Protein backbone atom coordinates (compact mmCIF):
# COMPACT_ATOMS: atom_id res chain seq x y z
CA MET A 1 9.04 12.22 -14.88
CA SER A 2 5.89 14.24 -14.44
CA ALA A 3 2.92 12.84 -12.53
CA PRO A 4 0.02 11.48 -14.61
CA THR A 5 -2.38 14.21 -15.68
CA TRP A 6 -6.14 14.10 -15.22
CA ASP A 7 -6.47 13.22 -18.90
CA GLU A 8 -4.14 10.24 -18.45
CA LEU A 9 -6.04 9.08 -15.38
CA GLY A 10 -9.47 9.92 -16.72
CA GLY A 11 -12.18 11.84 -14.92
CA PRO A 12 -13.16 10.90 -11.36
CA LEU A 13 -15.87 8.27 -11.07
CA PRO A 14 -19.28 9.37 -9.80
CA LYS A 15 -19.85 8.37 -6.18
CA ASN A 16 -22.31 5.57 -6.98
CA GLU A 17 -20.04 4.08 -9.68
CA PHE A 18 -17.07 4.23 -7.33
CA LYS A 19 -19.05 2.37 -4.67
CA ILE A 20 -20.21 -0.32 -7.11
CA ALA A 21 -16.69 -0.87 -8.46
CA SER A 22 -15.02 -0.98 -5.02
CA GLU A 23 -17.61 -3.39 -3.61
CA ALA A 24 -17.22 -5.64 -6.64
CA ILE A 25 -13.43 -5.73 -6.22
CA VAL A 26 -13.53 -6.49 -2.49
CA SER A 27 -16.23 -9.12 -2.97
CA ASN A 28 -14.25 -10.78 -5.75
CA ILE A 29 -11.10 -10.98 -3.64
CA GLU A 30 -13.06 -12.42 -0.72
CA GLN A 31 -14.05 -15.37 -2.88
CA VAL A 32 -10.47 -16.53 -2.37
CA ILE A 33 -9.35 -14.74 0.82
CA GLU A 34 -12.04 -15.48 3.38
CA GLY A 35 -12.56 -13.78 6.72
CA LYS A 36 -10.02 -11.00 6.09
CA THR A 37 -12.19 -8.09 4.99
CA ALA A 38 -10.12 -5.42 6.76
CA THR A 39 -6.88 -6.74 5.26
CA VAL A 40 -8.40 -6.93 1.78
CA ARG A 41 -9.77 -3.37 1.99
CA LEU A 42 -6.41 -2.02 3.17
CA ALA A 43 -4.57 -3.75 0.32
CA PHE A 44 -7.03 -2.24 -2.15
CA ALA A 45 -6.72 1.19 -0.49
CA VAL A 46 -2.94 1.08 -1.03
CA LEU A 47 -3.53 0.49 -4.74
CA LEU A 48 -5.89 3.48 -4.93
CA ALA A 49 -3.33 5.57 -2.99
CA GLU A 50 -0.79 4.81 -5.75
CA GLY A 51 1.42 3.04 -3.24
CA HIS A 52 3.08 -0.32 -2.71
CA LEU A 53 2.30 -3.10 -0.27
CA LEU A 54 4.55 -5.30 1.87
CA ILE A 55 2.85 -8.46 3.18
CA GLU A 56 4.87 -9.91 6.05
CA ASP A 57 3.76 -13.05 7.85
CA VAL A 58 4.52 -16.70 8.52
CA PRO A 59 4.28 -19.29 5.72
CA GLY A 60 0.94 -20.67 4.59
CA VAL A 61 -1.42 -17.88 5.65
CA GLY A 62 -2.13 -16.58 2.15
CA LYS A 63 0.40 -13.80 1.50
CA THR A 64 1.07 -14.69 -2.13
CA LYS A 65 -2.54 -15.73 -2.60
CA LEU A 66 -3.76 -12.23 -1.63
CA ALA A 67 -1.28 -10.59 -3.99
CA LYS A 68 -2.25 -12.84 -6.91
CA THR A 69 -5.97 -12.48 -6.20
CA LEU A 70 -5.80 -8.67 -6.19
CA ALA A 71 -3.83 -8.80 -9.42
CA ARG A 72 -6.29 -11.16 -11.12
CA THR A 73 -9.31 -9.12 -10.02
CA ILE A 74 -8.13 -6.25 -12.24
CA ASP A 75 -7.98 -6.79 -15.99
CA SER A 76 -4.47 -5.41 -16.40
CA SER A 77 -0.91 -6.56 -16.96
CA VAL A 78 0.54 -8.65 -14.14
CA ARG A 79 4.05 -10.01 -13.64
CA ARG A 80 5.33 -12.23 -10.85
CA ILE A 81 8.95 -12.29 -9.71
CA GLN A 82 10.25 -15.11 -7.52
CA PHE A 83 13.09 -13.44 -5.65
CA THR A 84 16.07 -15.77 -5.24
CA PRO A 85 19.77 -15.21 -4.40
CA ASP A 86 20.77 -15.60 -8.07
CA LEU A 87 18.21 -13.09 -9.39
CA LEU A 88 19.92 -10.21 -11.21
CA PRO A 89 18.86 -6.53 -11.34
CA SER A 90 18.46 -6.84 -15.12
CA ASP A 91 15.89 -9.60 -14.56
CA VAL A 92 13.80 -6.99 -12.75
CA THR A 93 14.34 -3.83 -14.78
CA GLY A 94 15.29 -5.18 -18.22
CA VAL A 95 18.44 -5.23 -20.34
CA SER A 96 19.71 -3.88 -23.65
CA ILE A 97 20.61 -6.67 -26.10
CA TYR A 98 22.56 -6.23 -29.32
CA ASN A 99 20.52 -7.07 -32.41
CA GLN A 100 22.78 -8.40 -35.16
CA GLU A 101 20.17 -7.70 -37.85
CA THR A 102 19.71 -4.02 -37.06
CA HIS A 103 23.26 -3.58 -35.68
CA ASP A 104 21.85 -1.74 -32.72
CA PHE A 105 20.92 -2.38 -29.11
CA GLU A 106 17.29 -3.22 -28.29
CA PHE A 107 15.77 -2.86 -24.86
CA LYS A 108 14.07 -5.96 -23.49
CA PRO A 109 11.72 -4.88 -20.67
CA GLY A 110 11.99 -6.64 -17.33
CA ALA A 111 9.28 -7.86 -15.01
CA VAL A 112 8.52 -4.40 -13.56
CA PHE A 113 6.89 -3.31 -16.81
CA ALA A 114 3.40 -4.24 -15.67
CA ASN A 115 0.51 -2.65 -13.80
CA LEU A 116 0.84 -5.04 -10.86
CA VAL A 117 4.16 -6.61 -9.93
CA VAL A 118 4.06 -9.47 -7.40
CA GLY A 119 7.43 -9.99 -5.71
CA ASP A 120 7.45 -13.25 -3.78
CA GLU A 121 9.89 -13.51 -0.84
CA ILE A 122 11.61 -10.26 -1.67
CA ASN A 123 14.17 -10.65 1.12
CA ARG A 124 15.68 -13.73 -0.55
CA ALA A 125 17.32 -11.60 -3.27
CA SER A 126 20.61 -9.78 -2.77
CA PRO A 127 20.63 -6.09 -1.80
CA LYS A 128 21.86 -5.28 -5.32
CA THR A 129 18.77 -6.85 -6.84
CA GLN A 130 16.45 -5.36 -4.22
CA SER A 131 17.78 -1.91 -5.11
CA ALA A 132 16.56 -2.39 -8.69
CA LEU A 133 13.08 -1.61 -7.37
CA LEU A 134 14.00 1.71 -5.75
CA GLU A 135 13.60 3.94 -8.80
CA CYS A 136 10.47 2.33 -10.18
CA MET A 137 8.67 2.31 -6.82
CA GLU A 138 9.29 5.98 -6.13
CA GLU A 139 9.39 7.58 -9.59
CA HIS A 140 7.38 5.11 -11.70
CA GLN A 141 10.20 4.89 -14.21
CA VAL A 142 13.20 2.71 -15.04
CA THR A 143 16.60 3.92 -16.26
CA VAL A 144 18.75 1.45 -18.19
CA ASP A 145 21.97 2.44 -19.99
CA GLY A 146 21.14 6.11 -19.56
CA VAL A 147 17.68 5.82 -21.13
CA THR A 148 14.58 6.38 -19.00
CA TYR A 149 11.42 4.34 -19.60
CA GLU A 150 8.14 5.37 -17.99
CA LEU A 151 5.89 2.79 -16.33
CA GLN A 152 2.16 2.51 -16.82
CA THR A 153 -0.51 3.76 -14.47
CA PRO A 154 -1.64 2.14 -12.24
CA PHE A 155 1.64 0.67 -11.02
CA MET A 156 1.90 -1.26 -7.77
CA VAL A 157 4.49 -3.57 -6.23
CA ILE A 158 3.10 -6.19 -3.86
CA ALA A 159 5.95 -7.93 -2.06
CA THR A 160 5.87 -10.77 0.45
CA GLN A 161 8.39 -11.91 3.00
CA ASN A 162 8.63 -14.38 5.86
CA PRO A 163 9.83 -12.72 9.11
CA ILE A 164 10.50 -16.03 10.87
CA GLU A 165 12.91 -17.94 8.64
CA MET A 166 15.86 -15.57 8.26
CA GLU A 167 18.61 -17.98 7.09
CA GLY A 168 19.84 -17.09 3.63
CA THR A 169 17.87 -13.85 3.51
CA TYR A 170 18.85 -10.20 3.13
CA PRO A 171 16.76 -7.86 5.33
CA LEU A 172 15.28 -4.95 3.40
CA PRO A 173 17.28 -1.74 3.92
CA GLU A 174 15.49 1.27 5.34
CA ALA A 175 15.39 3.01 1.94
CA GLN A 176 13.54 0.04 0.49
CA ARG A 177 11.10 -0.38 3.38
CA ASP A 178 10.28 3.33 3.31
CA ARG A 179 9.01 2.98 -0.26
CA PHE A 180 6.32 0.54 0.80
CA THR A 181 3.20 2.49 1.66
CA ALA A 182 1.94 -0.08 4.15
CA ARG A 183 2.98 -3.33 5.76
CA ILE A 184 0.27 -5.81 6.66
CA ALA A 185 0.12 -9.24 8.23
CA MET A 186 -2.46 -11.80 7.18
CA GLY A 187 -2.74 -13.56 10.54
CA TYR A 188 -4.34 -16.93 11.09
CA PRO A 189 -7.97 -17.29 10.01
CA SER A 190 -10.75 -17.77 12.51
CA ALA A 191 -12.02 -21.30 13.06
CA LYS A 192 -15.15 -20.48 11.07
CA ALA A 193 -13.17 -19.05 8.15
CA GLU A 194 -10.77 -21.99 8.17
CA LEU A 195 -13.68 -24.43 8.10
CA ALA A 196 -15.18 -22.53 5.14
CA MET A 197 -11.78 -22.67 3.46
CA LEU A 198 -11.82 -26.47 3.63
CA ASP A 199 -15.13 -26.51 1.76
CA GLY A 200 -14.14 -23.88 -0.80
CA HIS A 201 -10.50 -24.83 -1.37
CA GLY A 202 -10.59 -28.54 -0.65
CA ALA A 203 -11.44 -29.77 -4.16
CA ARG A 204 -9.92 -26.98 -6.28
CA ASP A 205 -8.20 -23.63 -6.05
CA PRO A 206 -10.85 -20.87 -6.40
CA LEU A 207 -8.15 -18.57 -7.78
CA SER A 208 -8.08 -20.60 -11.00
CA ALA A 209 -11.71 -19.70 -11.74
CA LEU A 210 -11.51 -16.06 -10.62
CA LYS A 211 -12.45 -13.47 -13.23
CA ALA A 212 -11.52 -9.80 -13.46
CA VAL A 213 -14.32 -7.42 -12.46
CA VAL A 214 -12.74 -4.08 -13.48
CA ASP A 215 -10.12 -2.95 -15.96
CA ALA A 216 -7.08 -0.72 -15.61
CA ASN A 217 -8.97 2.30 -16.95
CA THR A 218 -11.55 2.01 -14.14
CA ILE A 219 -8.76 1.84 -11.57
CA ARG A 220 -7.21 4.97 -13.06
CA ARG A 221 -10.52 6.81 -12.70
CA MET A 222 -10.86 5.54 -9.12
CA ILE A 223 -7.39 6.91 -8.39
CA ALA A 224 -8.52 10.26 -9.81
CA THR A 225 -11.50 10.12 -7.43
CA VAL A 226 -9.24 9.45 -4.44
CA ARG A 227 -6.98 12.36 -5.35
CA ASN A 228 -10.01 14.63 -5.13
CA ILE A 229 -10.90 13.66 -1.53
CA HIS A 230 -10.88 16.70 0.76
CA VAL A 231 -8.44 16.92 3.68
CA ALA A 232 -9.08 19.66 6.22
CA ASP A 233 -6.19 21.67 7.65
CA ALA A 234 -6.87 20.17 11.07
CA VAL A 235 -6.38 16.65 9.67
CA LYS A 236 -3.18 17.65 7.88
CA GLN A 237 -1.83 19.08 11.13
CA TYR A 238 -2.74 15.89 12.97
CA ALA A 239 -0.87 13.82 10.35
CA VAL A 240 2.24 15.98 10.80
CA ASP A 241 2.01 15.74 14.59
CA LEU A 242 1.60 11.97 14.40
CA VAL A 243 4.71 11.51 12.27
CA ASN A 244 6.69 14.00 14.37
CA ALA A 245 5.78 11.98 17.45
CA THR A 246 7.68 9.00 16.02
CA ARG A 247 10.80 11.14 15.67
CA GLU A 248 10.65 12.35 19.27
CA ALA A 249 9.60 9.11 20.99
CA PRO A 250 12.23 7.88 23.51
CA ASP A 251 11.85 4.29 22.27
CA VAL A 252 12.58 5.21 18.64
CA ARG A 253 16.08 5.59 17.17
CA LEU A 254 14.89 6.56 13.68
CA GLY A 255 11.47 8.09 13.14
CA ALA A 256 9.23 8.15 10.08
CA SER A 257 10.22 10.20 7.05
CA PRO A 258 8.36 13.03 5.28
CA ARG A 259 7.50 10.45 2.62
CA ALA A 260 5.62 8.61 5.37
CA THR A 261 3.49 11.70 6.03
CA LEU A 262 2.54 11.95 2.37
CA GLN A 263 1.68 8.27 2.08
CA LEU A 264 -0.29 8.33 5.32
CA LEU A 265 -2.48 11.11 3.93
CA ARG A 266 -2.85 9.47 0.51
CA THR A 267 -3.92 6.18 2.07
CA ALA A 268 -6.35 8.02 4.35
CA ARG A 269 -7.93 9.56 1.26
CA ALA A 270 -8.38 6.08 -0.23
CA VAL A 271 -9.86 4.69 2.98
CA ALA A 272 -12.29 7.63 3.18
CA ALA A 273 -13.39 7.02 -0.42
CA LEU A 274 -13.95 3.32 0.28
CA ASP A 275 -16.09 4.32 3.27
CA GLY A 276 -18.24 6.49 1.00
CA ARG A 277 -16.92 9.83 2.28
CA ASP A 278 -15.44 12.70 0.29
CA PHE A 279 -13.40 13.93 3.26
CA VAL A 280 -10.80 12.46 5.63
CA LEU A 281 -11.32 12.08 9.38
CA PRO A 282 -8.61 11.96 12.09
CA ASP A 283 -9.95 8.46 12.80
CA ASP A 284 -8.65 7.38 9.39
CA LEU A 285 -5.14 8.42 10.35
CA GLN A 286 -5.37 6.62 13.68
CA VAL A 287 -6.44 3.38 12.02
CA LEU A 288 -3.66 3.62 9.43
CA ALA A 289 -0.85 4.68 11.78
CA VAL A 290 0.42 1.16 12.50
CA PRO A 291 0.28 -0.35 8.98
CA VAL A 292 1.69 2.79 7.33
CA LEU A 293 4.30 3.91 9.88
CA ALA A 294 5.42 0.92 11.97
CA HIS A 295 7.72 -0.63 9.35
CA ARG A 296 9.50 2.70 8.82
CA ILE A 297 10.74 3.31 12.36
CA ILE A 298 13.70 1.70 14.11
CA PRO A 299 13.42 1.13 17.88
CA THR A 300 16.29 1.79 20.26
CA ALA A 301 18.42 -1.02 21.64
CA ASP A 302 16.68 -0.69 25.02
CA ALA A 303 13.25 -1.01 23.39
CA GLN A 304 14.40 -4.09 21.51
CA LEU A 305 15.73 -5.65 24.71
CA ALA A 306 12.38 -4.92 26.35
CA ARG A 307 10.74 -6.71 23.36
CA ARG A 308 8.75 -3.63 22.40
CA THR A 309 7.63 -3.99 18.81
CA THR A 310 7.24 -1.05 16.46
CA ASP A 311 3.52 -1.84 16.26
CA ALA A 312 3.21 -1.45 20.04
CA ILE A 313 5.23 1.77 20.00
CA LEU A 314 2.99 3.29 17.29
CA ALA A 315 -0.20 2.18 19.03
CA ASP A 316 1.01 3.86 22.23
CA LEU A 317 1.85 7.10 20.38
CA VAL A 318 -1.62 7.17 18.81
CA ARG A 319 -3.24 6.79 22.23
CA ARG A 320 -1.16 9.58 23.76
CA LEU A 321 -1.31 12.13 20.97
CA PRO A 322 -3.88 14.82 21.85
CA LEU A 323 -7.20 14.25 20.14
CA PRO A 324 -10.64 14.79 21.70
CA HIS A 325 -12.15 11.46 22.70
CA ASP A 326 -15.67 12.89 22.68
CA ARG A 327 -15.22 14.09 19.06
CA GLY A 328 -15.52 17.69 20.25
CA ARG A 329 -13.40 20.46 18.85
CA SER A 330 -9.94 19.37 17.92
CA PRO A 331 -7.07 21.51 19.26
CA TYR A 332 -5.90 21.68 15.62
CA ASP A 333 -9.25 22.80 14.22
CA THR A 334 -9.25 26.41 13.03
CA ARG A 335 -12.64 26.28 11.33
CA PRO A 336 -15.63 27.97 12.93
CA GLN A 337 -18.01 25.77 14.90
CA VAL A 338 -21.27 24.98 13.11
CA PRO A 339 -24.13 25.42 15.62
CA GLY A 340 -26.00 22.15 15.95
CA GLY A 341 -23.85 20.54 13.27
CA ASP A 342 -22.40 17.04 13.21
CA ASP A 343 -18.94 16.72 14.74
CA ARG A 344 -17.71 15.44 11.38
CA SER A 345 -18.89 18.56 9.55
CA ARG A 346 -15.69 20.44 10.39
CA TYR A 347 -13.70 17.99 8.23
CA GLU A 348 -15.99 18.17 5.20
CA PRO A 349 -15.15 20.31 2.16
CA ARG A 350 -15.98 23.97 2.62
CA GLY A 351 -19.16 25.15 0.99
CA LEU A 352 -21.04 21.86 1.37
């Protein structure tokens, strides 16, 4: 399947319209998810990066609530799948049913035929059912009985799972985890945010009254804007070096894949756009290293015995990878120095 063309996505939004739309989306989500601005912005950035999100945390902190709120904020098709041990792959992708009137088979689309697919407790389904998401997450298409059906744009899978209660669950295989652009944790709210939650959620669920603030067409144009964000050669080299560092780290048995490099750069473009920039900084990659790469690497047995988490390993690699702390010239920067210019100017598009 070919990637969506500019005509299918629509033209990029002007900078001021992009800012208004993004602020409206984040503000709308924060009516339900309070005190988690960074988490909300990252979830939205994954959508604009045309990726998928894995929300992994303990029960009751708002994993499903965040997924449903993001879905309801956009006026588009939304389907929710409750993953259980008896869920079948055909429940996810769809099935061909024989029609006695037409004497032919008719395809009945499954739950993945939507713009936003919310998969609750994905690790409760069998590996066979989990694998039904592999093709649609990577290729934005579904093949049933030898016939391929394309999915709409935007398309995003938001899955949740509980890392504590592991009885009766099936851990996601590496191929499945690698298709998730980022993994985030909600974390417990601050005391102030929890107190505000009692006032706002005590009488009724604010999600029930939440209205969409943008439509799918606006999201498509925002995606087109993100695709147009400039990435300097120095930043691309830093992304490659960062991913290569995970493959050479002594505490890592399996490093991040080339797909991880692509998704790291795509998410950095989205984060830059949300920050009002039309170029990516190395700082964007540093901030995204843990959420985008940590769930893709497998630590060695010794690292696991030492209770070193993948998050800690990635954070250590980011600190040790050469990058000027004073924002001077990067060792990867091949562009000429601009006399008296801002340090950030070397990462901006040429000719500006």
